[in-house]
N, C-alpha and C. Protein backbone atom coordinates (compact mmCIF):
# COMPACT_ATOMS: atom_id res chain seq x y z
N MET A 1 -48.70 12.97 21.84
CA MET A 1 -48.80 12.22 20.37
C MET A 1 -47.38 12.65 19.65
N VAL A 2 -47.06 13.88 19.71
CA VAL A 2 -45.85 14.30 19.00
C VAL A 2 -44.69 13.67 19.71
N LYS A 3 -44.70 13.66 20.99
CA LYS A 3 -43.60 12.97 21.73
C LYS A 3 -43.33 11.57 21.22
N HIS A 4 -44.47 10.84 21.16
CA HIS A 4 -44.51 9.37 20.75
C HIS A 4 -44.07 9.21 19.35
N LEU A 5 -44.50 10.15 18.49
CA LEU A 5 -44.04 10.06 16.99
C LEU A 5 -42.60 10.47 17.02
N SER A 6 -42.08 11.31 17.81
CA SER A 6 -40.58 11.48 17.76
C SER A 6 -39.85 10.41 18.21
N ASP A 7 -40.41 9.69 19.17
CA ASP A 7 -39.65 8.50 19.71
C ASP A 7 -39.67 7.34 18.73
N VAL A 8 -40.68 7.15 18.04
CA VAL A 8 -40.87 6.14 17.11
C VAL A 8 -39.94 6.50 15.90
N ILE A 9 -39.94 7.69 15.37
CA ILE A 9 -38.93 7.97 14.35
C ILE A 9 -37.54 7.92 14.87
N GLY A 10 -37.20 8.39 16.07
CA GLY A 10 -35.83 8.36 16.53
C GLY A 10 -35.26 7.01 16.81
N ASN A 11 -36.21 5.92 16.92
CA ASN A 11 -35.72 4.75 17.04
C ASN A 11 -35.32 3.93 15.72
N ILE A 12 -35.56 4.55 14.71
CA ILE A 12 -35.20 4.04 13.35
C ILE A 12 -33.74 4.23 13.11
N LYS A 13 -32.92 3.36 13.00
CA LYS A 13 -31.48 3.52 12.90
C LYS A 13 -30.96 3.05 11.47
N VAL A 14 -30.41 4.00 10.59
CA VAL A 14 -29.87 3.56 9.42
C VAL A 14 -28.31 3.51 9.49
N SER A 15 -27.73 4.37 10.27
CA SER A 15 -26.39 4.41 10.46
C SER A 15 -26.12 5.36 11.76
N PRO A 16 -24.88 5.30 12.28
CA PRO A 16 -24.62 6.01 13.53
C PRO A 16 -24.93 7.46 13.53
N ASN A 17 -24.75 8.12 12.45
CA ASN A 17 -24.79 9.60 12.28
C ASN A 17 -25.99 10.08 11.41
N THR A 18 -26.95 9.12 11.14
CA THR A 18 -28.13 9.45 10.37
C THR A 18 -29.21 9.98 11.19
N THR A 19 -29.88 11.18 10.65
CA THR A 19 -31.02 11.67 11.37
C THR A 19 -32.29 11.46 10.55
N ILE A 20 -33.41 11.07 11.03
CA ILE A 20 -34.60 10.86 10.30
C ILE A 20 -35.55 11.82 10.99
N ASN A 21 -36.34 12.67 10.27
CA ASN A 21 -37.34 13.53 10.93
C ASN A 21 -38.54 13.62 9.98
N LEU A 22 -39.61 14.07 10.60
CA LEU A 22 -40.66 14.41 9.79
C LEU A 22 -40.81 15.97 9.93
N VAL A 23 -41.27 16.54 8.74
CA VAL A 23 -41.19 18.01 8.63
C VAL A 23 -42.53 18.31 7.84
N ASP A 24 -42.92 19.61 7.86
CA ASP A 24 -44.14 19.91 7.15
C ASP A 24 -43.52 20.52 5.80
N GLN A 25 -44.41 21.08 4.87
CA GLN A 25 -44.06 21.57 3.63
C GLN A 25 -43.22 22.82 3.61
N THR A 26 -43.07 23.44 4.97
CA THR A 26 -42.20 24.64 4.94
C THR A 26 -40.76 24.15 5.48
N GLY A 27 -40.76 22.90 6.07
CA GLY A 27 -39.45 22.43 6.60
C GLY A 27 -39.44 22.52 8.18
N LEU A 28 -40.67 22.89 8.75
CA LEU A 28 -40.83 22.98 10.28
C LEU A 28 -40.72 21.63 10.72
N PHE A 29 -40.06 21.44 11.85
CA PHE A 29 -39.89 19.93 12.44
C PHE A 29 -41.18 19.61 13.05
N LEU A 30 -41.57 18.39 12.74
CA LEU A 30 -42.87 17.69 13.39
C LEU A 30 -42.24 16.64 14.48
N THR A 31 -41.01 16.24 14.11
CA THR A 31 -40.44 15.34 15.11
C THR A 31 -38.86 15.84 15.02
N ASN A 32 -38.22 15.53 16.31
CA ASN A 32 -36.82 16.04 16.26
C ASN A 32 -36.30 15.27 17.71
N LYS A 33 -35.03 14.94 17.74
CA LYS A 33 -34.48 14.32 19.11
C LYS A 33 -34.41 15.44 20.09
N ASP A 34 -34.51 16.67 19.64
CA ASP A 34 -34.51 17.92 20.60
C ASP A 34 -36.05 18.44 20.49
N PRO A 35 -36.66 18.04 21.77
CA PRO A 35 -38.20 18.45 21.86
C PRO A 35 -38.45 19.89 21.65
N ASP A 36 -37.42 20.79 22.09
CA ASP A 36 -37.63 22.22 21.89
C ASP A 36 -37.59 22.62 20.38
N ALA A 37 -37.18 21.74 19.45
CA ALA A 37 -37.07 22.09 18.08
C ALA A 37 -38.39 21.84 17.47
N ILE A 38 -39.28 20.97 17.96
CA ILE A 38 -40.44 20.61 17.34
C ILE A 38 -41.55 21.88 17.30
N LEU A 39 -41.87 22.06 15.94
CA LEU A 39 -42.79 23.16 15.58
C LEU A 39 -42.15 24.54 15.80
N LYS A 40 -40.85 24.58 16.12
CA LYS A 40 -40.24 26.00 16.32
C LYS A 40 -39.03 26.11 15.35
N LYS A 41 -38.32 25.04 15.05
CA LYS A 41 -37.12 25.23 14.27
C LYS A 41 -37.46 24.61 12.90
N ASN A 42 -36.71 25.09 11.89
CA ASN A 42 -36.80 24.56 10.49
C ASN A 42 -35.71 23.74 10.04
N TYR A 43 -35.95 22.65 9.31
CA TYR A 43 -34.99 21.64 8.80
C TYR A 43 -34.03 22.59 7.94
N MET A 44 -34.42 23.30 7.10
CA MET A 44 -33.68 24.07 6.13
C MET A 44 -32.58 24.88 6.88
N ASP A 45 -33.00 25.34 8.07
CA ASP A 45 -32.01 26.16 8.93
C ASP A 45 -31.03 25.27 9.72
N GLU A 46 -31.47 24.24 10.27
CA GLU A 46 -30.75 23.48 11.11
C GLU A 46 -29.88 22.24 10.49
N GLY A 47 -30.23 21.92 9.35
CA GLY A 47 -29.48 20.76 8.53
C GLY A 47 -28.28 21.11 7.92
N LYS A 48 -27.71 20.15 7.33
CA LYS A 48 -26.46 20.21 6.58
C LYS A 48 -26.74 20.56 5.02
N LEU A 49 -27.99 20.69 4.66
CA LEU A 49 -28.27 20.97 3.40
C LEU A 49 -27.86 22.36 2.90
N ASN A 50 -27.25 22.25 1.73
CA ASN A 50 -26.87 23.72 1.16
C ASN A 50 -27.94 24.51 0.62
N LYS A 51 -28.36 25.64 1.33
CA LYS A 51 -29.46 26.40 1.20
C LYS A 51 -29.42 27.18 -0.22
N SER A 52 -28.19 27.33 -0.63
CA SER A 52 -27.95 28.06 -1.91
C SER A 52 -28.35 27.30 -3.17
N LYS A 53 -28.28 26.01 -2.89
CA LYS A 53 -28.58 25.00 -4.07
C LYS A 53 -30.08 24.57 -3.97
N TYR A 54 -30.68 24.48 -2.80
CA TYR A 54 -32.01 23.90 -2.47
C TYR A 54 -32.85 24.93 -1.75
N THR A 55 -33.95 25.35 -2.35
CA THR A 55 -34.87 26.21 -1.76
C THR A 55 -36.01 25.38 -1.08
N VAL A 56 -36.77 26.02 -0.16
CA VAL A 56 -37.94 25.24 0.59
C VAL A 56 -38.80 24.68 -0.51
N ALA A 57 -39.20 25.55 -1.33
CA ALA A 57 -40.28 25.26 -2.32
C ALA A 57 -39.73 24.13 -3.29
N GLY A 58 -38.37 24.17 -3.70
CA GLY A 58 -37.93 23.10 -4.57
C GLY A 58 -37.52 21.87 -3.88
N TYR A 59 -37.10 21.94 -2.56
CA TYR A 59 -36.92 20.77 -1.79
C TYR A 59 -38.08 19.92 -1.36
N PHE A 60 -39.17 20.79 -0.97
CA PHE A 60 -40.39 20.08 -0.64
C PHE A 60 -41.47 20.34 -1.65
N ASP A 61 -41.22 19.93 -2.85
CA ASP A 61 -42.21 20.09 -3.97
C ASP A 61 -42.97 18.84 -4.23
N GLY A 62 -42.85 17.90 -3.35
CA GLY A 62 -43.63 16.55 -3.44
C GLY A 62 -42.97 15.52 -4.22
N THR A 63 -41.78 15.75 -4.80
CA THR A 63 -41.04 14.63 -5.62
C THR A 63 -40.04 14.07 -4.66
N ALA A 64 -40.01 12.73 -4.74
CA ALA A 64 -38.95 12.06 -3.89
C ALA A 64 -37.56 12.38 -4.44
N LYS A 65 -36.59 12.76 -3.49
CA LYS A 65 -35.23 13.03 -3.91
C LYS A 65 -34.33 12.21 -2.95
N SER A 66 -33.15 11.88 -3.51
CA SER A 66 -32.08 11.32 -2.68
C SER A 66 -30.80 11.69 -3.48
N PHE A 67 -29.77 12.16 -2.70
CA PHE A 67 -28.53 12.54 -3.38
C PHE A 67 -27.49 12.66 -2.34
N VAL A 68 -26.15 12.84 -2.86
CA VAL A 68 -25.08 13.11 -2.02
C VAL A 68 -24.50 14.47 -2.36
N ASP A 69 -24.24 15.27 -1.23
CA ASP A 69 -23.62 16.59 -1.51
C ASP A 69 -22.49 16.72 -0.59
N GLY A 70 -21.37 16.57 -1.11
CA GLY A 70 -20.10 16.76 -0.22
C GLY A 70 -19.94 15.36 0.53
N LYS A 71 -19.79 15.63 1.93
CA LYS A 71 -19.65 14.47 2.77
C LYS A 71 -20.96 13.85 3.29
N TYR A 72 -22.22 14.44 2.85
CA TYR A 72 -23.52 14.08 3.37
C TYR A 72 -24.40 13.59 2.32
N PHE A 73 -25.20 12.55 2.71
CA PHE A 73 -26.32 12.17 1.80
C PHE A 73 -27.68 12.77 2.45
N PHE A 74 -28.60 12.89 1.47
CA PHE A 74 -29.92 13.54 1.85
C PHE A 74 -30.99 12.77 1.02
N ALA A 75 -32.10 12.71 1.70
CA ALA A 75 -33.31 12.05 1.02
C ALA A 75 -34.61 12.78 1.63
N VAL A 76 -35.51 13.02 0.79
CA VAL A 76 -36.77 13.53 1.15
C VAL A 76 -37.86 12.92 0.31
N ARG A 77 -39.05 12.59 1.07
CA ARG A 77 -40.12 12.00 0.34
C ARG A 77 -41.46 12.50 1.12
N LYS A 78 -42.37 12.83 0.27
CA LYS A 78 -43.55 13.17 0.67
C LYS A 78 -44.36 11.86 1.25
N ILE A 79 -45.16 12.15 2.30
CA ILE A 79 -45.85 11.08 3.03
C ILE A 79 -47.35 11.07 2.54
N GLY A 80 -47.64 10.27 1.65
CA GLY A 80 -49.17 10.15 1.09
C GLY A 80 -49.64 11.52 0.63
N ALA A 81 -50.87 11.71 1.10
CA ALA A 81 -51.49 13.02 0.73
C ALA A 81 -51.39 14.13 1.66
N SER A 82 -50.71 13.70 2.72
CA SER A 82 -50.54 14.80 3.80
C SER A 82 -49.54 15.75 3.45
N PRO A 83 -49.39 16.97 4.16
CA PRO A 83 -48.40 18.06 3.80
C PRO A 83 -47.09 17.65 4.64
N TRP A 84 -46.93 16.46 5.03
CA TRP A 84 -45.69 16.02 5.67
C TRP A 84 -44.70 15.43 4.85
N PHE A 85 -43.46 15.55 5.27
CA PHE A 85 -42.29 14.90 4.56
C PHE A 85 -41.36 14.27 5.42
N ALA A 86 -40.85 13.10 5.04
CA ALA A 86 -39.89 12.34 5.72
C ALA A 86 -38.50 12.93 5.18
N VAL A 87 -37.67 13.29 6.07
CA VAL A 87 -36.25 13.86 5.52
C VAL A 87 -35.23 12.92 6.31
N VAL A 88 -34.19 12.56 5.55
CA VAL A 88 -33.16 11.77 6.12
C VAL A 88 -31.83 12.39 5.64
N ASP A 89 -30.89 12.59 6.53
CA ASP A 89 -29.57 13.04 6.29
C ASP A 89 -28.54 12.31 7.15
N GLY A 90 -27.33 12.25 6.62
CA GLY A 90 -26.25 11.80 7.44
C GLY A 90 -24.91 11.85 6.71
N ASN A 91 -23.89 11.39 7.41
CA ASN A 91 -22.61 11.28 6.90
C ASN A 91 -22.31 10.24 5.99
N VAL A 92 -21.76 10.36 4.76
CA VAL A 92 -21.47 9.30 3.78
C VAL A 92 -20.49 8.30 4.49
N ASP A 93 -19.58 8.80 5.31
CA ASP A 93 -18.51 7.93 5.89
C ASP A 93 -18.97 6.74 6.60
N ASP A 94 -20.29 7.02 7.16
CA ASP A 94 -20.93 5.82 7.89
C ASP A 94 -20.95 4.66 6.99
N PHE A 95 -21.23 4.73 5.66
CA PHE A 95 -21.33 3.65 4.82
C PHE A 95 -20.07 3.28 4.17
N THR A 96 -19.29 4.34 3.74
CA THR A 96 -17.94 3.92 3.10
C THR A 96 -16.92 3.32 4.03
N SER A 97 -17.01 3.60 5.47
CA SER A 97 -16.11 2.96 6.32
C SER A 97 -16.56 1.46 6.44
N THR A 98 -17.79 1.20 6.45
CA THR A 98 -18.25 -0.24 6.42
C THR A 98 -17.95 -0.90 5.15
N ILE A 99 -18.14 -0.30 3.99
CA ILE A 99 -17.68 -0.93 2.71
C ILE A 99 -16.13 -0.99 2.70
N ASN A 100 -15.33 -0.17 3.24
CA ASN A 100 -13.85 -0.25 3.18
C ASN A 100 -13.47 -1.38 4.06
N LYS A 101 -14.13 -1.63 5.26
CA LYS A 101 -13.78 -2.76 6.13
C LYS A 101 -14.01 -4.03 5.36
N TYR A 102 -15.15 -4.23 4.77
CA TYR A 102 -15.38 -5.47 4.12
C TYR A 102 -14.44 -5.59 2.99
N LEU A 103 -14.25 -4.47 2.21
CA LEU A 103 -13.36 -4.55 1.01
C LEU A 103 -11.90 -4.96 1.47
N PHE A 104 -11.36 -4.30 2.71
CA PHE A 104 -10.10 -4.73 3.14
C PHE A 104 -10.00 -6.21 3.55
N ALA A 105 -11.18 -6.79 4.05
CA ALA A 105 -11.15 -8.08 4.52
C ALA A 105 -11.04 -8.98 3.24
N ILE A 106 -11.72 -8.72 2.28
CA ILE A 106 -11.82 -9.51 1.08
C ILE A 106 -10.26 -9.39 0.35
N VAL A 107 -9.87 -8.25 0.21
CA VAL A 107 -8.54 -8.03 -0.34
C VAL A 107 -7.42 -8.77 0.45
N GLY A 108 -7.42 -8.81 1.81
CA GLY A 108 -6.68 -9.34 2.64
C GLY A 108 -6.75 -10.99 2.55
N THR A 109 -7.95 -11.43 2.47
CA THR A 109 -8.11 -12.94 2.31
C THR A 109 -7.59 -13.33 0.81
N VAL A 110 -7.86 -12.68 -0.11
CA VAL A 110 -7.44 -12.91 -1.39
C VAL A 110 -5.82 -12.92 -1.43
N ALA A 111 -5.26 -11.86 -0.90
CA ALA A 111 -3.78 -11.85 -0.80
C ALA A 111 -3.21 -12.99 0.06
N PHE A 112 -3.87 -13.44 1.16
CA PHE A 112 -3.49 -14.63 1.86
C PHE A 112 -3.62 -15.86 1.04
N LEU A 113 -4.58 -16.06 0.30
CA LEU A 113 -4.81 -17.19 -0.59
C LEU A 113 -3.73 -17.16 -1.71
N ILE A 114 -3.52 -16.08 -2.24
CA ILE A 114 -2.46 -16.06 -3.31
C ILE A 114 -1.10 -16.47 -2.72
N LEU A 115 -0.72 -15.94 -1.57
CA LEU A 115 0.48 -16.31 -0.89
C LEU A 115 0.54 -17.70 -0.52
N ALA A 116 -0.48 -18.27 -0.14
CA ALA A 116 -0.58 -19.73 0.20
C ALA A 116 -0.44 -20.58 -0.95
N CYS A 117 -1.05 -20.20 -2.07
CA CYS A 117 -0.77 -20.81 -3.50
C CYS A 117 0.63 -20.79 -3.92
N VAL A 118 1.29 -19.68 -3.63
CA VAL A 118 2.72 -19.43 -4.19
C VAL A 118 3.50 -20.45 -3.27
N VAL A 119 3.36 -20.49 -1.98
CA VAL A 119 4.22 -21.26 -1.09
C VAL A 119 3.93 -22.75 -1.35
N LEU A 120 2.65 -23.05 -1.58
CA LEU A 120 2.33 -24.72 -1.82
C LEU A 120 2.91 -25.11 -3.31
N ASN A 121 2.93 -24.03 -4.23
CA ASN A 121 3.38 -24.25 -5.58
C ASN A 121 4.86 -24.52 -5.51
N THR A 122 5.67 -23.70 -4.63
CA THR A 122 7.15 -23.85 -4.45
C THR A 122 7.38 -25.13 -3.82
N ILE A 123 6.74 -25.42 -2.89
CA ILE A 123 6.91 -26.80 -2.08
C ILE A 123 6.78 -27.96 -3.09
N THR A 124 5.58 -27.94 -3.76
CA THR A 124 5.41 -28.95 -4.85
C THR A 124 6.41 -29.10 -5.77
N GLN A 125 6.82 -27.94 -6.41
CA GLN A 125 7.89 -27.89 -7.48
C GLN A 125 9.24 -28.41 -6.97
N SER A 126 9.48 -28.00 -5.66
CA SER A 126 10.76 -28.56 -5.09
C SER A 126 10.79 -29.90 -4.94
N LYS A 127 9.65 -30.54 -4.46
CA LYS A 127 9.56 -32.10 -4.36
C LYS A 127 9.65 -32.71 -5.76
N THR A 128 8.96 -32.12 -6.73
CA THR A 128 9.01 -32.63 -8.11
C THR A 128 10.38 -32.61 -8.82
N ASN A 129 11.10 -31.42 -8.36
CA ASN A 129 12.48 -31.36 -8.96
C ASN A 129 13.50 -32.50 -8.28
N ARG A 130 13.29 -32.76 -7.01
CA ARG A 130 14.06 -33.69 -6.43
C ARG A 130 13.83 -35.17 -7.04
N LYS A 131 12.50 -35.32 -7.15
CA LYS A 131 12.17 -36.69 -7.84
C LYS A 131 12.73 -36.82 -9.19
N GLU A 132 12.58 -35.66 -9.92
CA GLU A 132 13.04 -35.73 -11.26
C GLU A 132 14.57 -35.90 -11.44
N LYS A 133 15.34 -35.29 -10.48
CA LYS A 133 16.80 -35.48 -10.34
C LYS A 133 17.04 -37.00 -10.07
N GLU A 134 16.26 -37.63 -9.12
CA GLU A 134 16.64 -39.02 -8.74
C GLU A 134 16.40 -39.87 -10.07
N VAL A 135 15.25 -39.59 -10.78
CA VAL A 135 14.77 -40.36 -11.87
C VAL A 135 16.02 -40.34 -13.07
N SER A 136 16.37 -39.00 -13.12
CA SER A 136 17.33 -38.70 -14.29
C SER A 136 18.60 -39.26 -13.92
N SER A 137 19.05 -39.33 -12.80
CA SER A 137 20.19 -39.95 -12.18
C SER A 137 20.18 -41.49 -12.42
N ARG A 138 18.97 -42.10 -12.19
CA ARG A 138 18.91 -43.51 -12.48
C ARG A 138 19.00 -43.83 -13.96
N ILE A 139 18.28 -43.00 -14.72
CA ILE A 139 18.29 -43.13 -16.17
C ILE A 139 19.74 -43.07 -16.72
N PHE A 140 20.62 -41.99 -16.16
CA PHE A 140 21.87 -41.87 -16.54
C PHE A 140 22.69 -43.05 -16.25
N SER A 141 22.60 -43.59 -15.03
CA SER A 141 23.27 -44.84 -14.64
C SER A 141 22.93 -46.01 -15.51
N GLU A 142 21.63 -46.12 -15.82
CA GLU A 142 21.18 -47.40 -16.63
C GLU A 142 21.82 -47.14 -17.95
N MET A 143 21.84 -45.88 -18.46
CA MET A 143 22.45 -45.67 -19.87
C MET A 143 23.87 -45.94 -19.80
N GLN A 144 24.66 -45.62 -18.93
CA GLN A 144 26.07 -45.99 -18.89
C GLN A 144 26.22 -47.57 -18.67
N ASN A 145 25.35 -48.17 -18.04
CA ASN A 145 25.45 -49.67 -17.87
C ASN A 145 25.15 -50.34 -19.27
N LEU A 146 24.17 -49.73 -19.97
CA LEU A 146 24.00 -50.26 -21.22
C LEU A 146 25.03 -50.05 -22.30
N ILE A 147 25.67 -49.06 -22.20
CA ILE A 147 26.85 -48.50 -23.03
C ILE A 147 28.01 -49.52 -22.72
N VAL A 148 28.23 -49.88 -21.46
CA VAL A 148 29.24 -50.68 -21.02
C VAL A 148 29.02 -52.11 -21.62
N ALA A 149 27.67 -52.54 -21.39
CA ALA A 149 27.29 -53.86 -21.90
C ALA A 149 27.33 -53.91 -23.32
N ALA A 150 26.90 -52.86 -24.09
CA ALA A 150 27.08 -52.88 -25.55
C ALA A 150 28.56 -53.04 -26.06
N LYS A 151 29.45 -52.36 -25.20
CA LYS A 151 30.80 -52.42 -25.65
C LYS A 151 31.34 -53.84 -25.50
N GLU A 152 30.79 -54.45 -24.28
CA GLU A 152 31.42 -55.72 -24.01
C GLU A 152 30.90 -56.74 -25.05
N ASN A 153 29.60 -56.54 -25.43
CA ASN A 153 28.99 -57.51 -26.50
C ASN A 153 29.74 -57.44 -27.89
N ALA A 154 30.06 -56.03 -28.11
CA ALA A 154 30.75 -55.84 -29.32
C ALA A 154 32.11 -56.34 -29.32
N ALA A 155 32.75 -56.44 -28.26
CA ALA A 155 34.12 -56.88 -28.12
C ALA A 155 34.12 -58.41 -28.23
N THR A 156 33.05 -59.20 -27.82
CA THR A 156 33.09 -60.52 -27.85
C THR A 156 32.59 -61.20 -29.15
């Protein structure tokens, strides 16, 4: 039964470096990927939890906790009315690297779109400037013709 429970808990994946275990109120492992640790080793001795900040009685007092301490995240929750607790811990980098990957993808896409808009704006402005020059040249030519025609009319 304990082996089956360990397999079920072990198949729950939160991130590559996250561990999930069941422990009793003293921190004794009820499930663990190492079968030799079950009912022999203590979570408080094996884990990454800072024992100077968290005592067994304070950590397993029945209140749900989740926090980040240094490079690691931790969570503990009592399971119903039983004296068992679900404990989760892992490396924060598992999540920040995923967030960074998506953030870089978004920033890269926005930068590409901005660059594309600048290039498109430059091309459009260049075409508009050429057309404006052609129109202004025609207007200038027509104005000269008008002035010449006006002088000829005035002379006659």
